[in-house]
Amino acid sequence: MSTVLITGASSGLGRALAVEFAGPHTTLLLHGRDAARLRAVGDACEAAGSRVVLVVADIVNTDDFMGQWTGAL
């Protein structure tokens, strides 16, 4: 089983990486600021067989970012 953390997963390169890594036996920890777009990426990755954990937070605010991960895991 592999676990992959991707920030900026709701669009662009982050989204492309999430889709590329998605598959059975993979847990994806996906971060983004746009909840709706992140959920769409998460849904696509789950459809490919991944376990997905989503965190919507602003990475610039370190306390918020770390607190969201702590709550999600």
Protein backbone atom coordinates (compact mmCIF):
# COMPACT_ATOMS: atom_id res chain seq x y z
CA MET A 1 0.00 0.00 0.00
CA SER A 2 1.30 3.47 -0.94
CA THR A 3 0.38 6.81 0.62
CA VAL A 4 0.84 10.02 -1.34
CA LEU A 5 0.36 13.61 -0.09
CA ILE A 6 -0.41 16.18 -2.78
CA THR A 7 -0.91 19.89 -2.12
CA GLY A 8 -2.73 21.98 -4.69
CA ALA A 9 -4.67 18.91 -5.82
CA SER A 10 -7.79 20.78 -6.89
CA SER A 11 -6.29 21.95 -10.21
CA GLY A 12 -3.31 22.02 -12.53
CA LEU A 13 -0.26 19.89 -11.79
CA GLY A 14 -1.61 18.79 -8.40
CA ARG A 15 -4.79 17.47 -10.01
CA ALA A 16 -2.80 15.69 -12.72
CA LEU A 17 -0.58 14.04 -10.10
CA ALA A 18 -3.59 12.91 -8.06
CA VAL A 19 -5.19 11.29 -11.09
CA GLU A 20 -1.87 9.68 -12.08
CA PHE A 21 -1.26 8.16 -8.64
CA ALA A 22 -4.87 7.03 -8.19
CA GLY A 23 -5.47 3.31 -8.14
CA PRO A 24 -6.04 0.30 -5.92
CA HIS A 25 -3.81 0.01 -2.86
CA THR A 26 -3.09 3.76 -2.84
CA THR A 27 -4.15 6.26 -0.20
CA LEU A 28 -4.19 9.83 -1.46
CA LEU A 29 -4.00 12.73 0.99
CA LEU A 30 -5.25 15.61 -1.13
CA HIS A 31 -5.07 19.29 -0.18
CA GLY A 32 -6.59 22.28 -1.94
CA ARG A 33 -8.36 25.57 -1.30
CA ASP A 34 -11.39 25.03 -3.57
CA ALA A 35 -13.66 22.52 -1.84
CA ALA A 36 -15.87 21.75 -4.84
CA ARG A 37 -13.00 21.17 -7.26
CA LEU A 38 -11.06 19.16 -4.67
CA ARG A 39 -14.13 16.96 -4.08
CA ALA A 40 -14.39 16.34 -7.84
CA VAL A 41 -10.74 15.25 -7.96
CA GLY A 42 -11.28 13.08 -4.90
CA ASP A 43 -14.31 11.43 -6.50
CA ALA A 44 -12.31 10.62 -9.64
CA CYS A 45 -9.51 9.12 -7.56
CA GLU A 46 -11.96 7.04 -5.50
CA ALA A 47 -13.51 5.77 -8.74
CA ALA A 48 -10.03 4.58 -9.72
CA GLY A 49 -9.82 2.59 -6.48
CA SER A 50 -7.92 4.88 -4.12
CA ARG A 51 -8.73 5.68 -0.53
CA VAL A 52 -8.93 9.49 -0.41
CA VAL A 53 -8.56 11.98 2.44
CA LEU A 54 -9.42 15.59 1.56
CA VAL A 55 -8.27 18.70 3.41
CA VAL A 56 -9.45 22.16 2.41
CA ALA A 57 -7.13 24.76 3.95
CA ASP A 58 -4.87 27.67 3.08
CA ILE A 59 -1.29 26.37 3.25
CA VAL A 60 -0.06 29.90 4.03
CA ASN A 61 -1.81 29.69 7.42
CA THR A 62 0.38 26.96 8.96
CA ASP A 63 -1.76 26.47 12.07
CA ASP A 64 -4.94 26.06 10.01
CA PHE A 65 -3.20 23.74 7.54
CA MET A 66 -1.72 21.47 10.23
CA GLY A 67 -4.93 21.52 12.26
CA GLN A 68 -6.95 20.37 9.27
CA TRP A 69 -4.60 17.42 8.69
CA THR A 70 -4.70 16.44 12.33
CA GLY A 71 -8.49 16.40 12.22
CA ALA A 72 -8.61 14.48 8.94
CA LEU A 73 -6.25 11.72 9.96
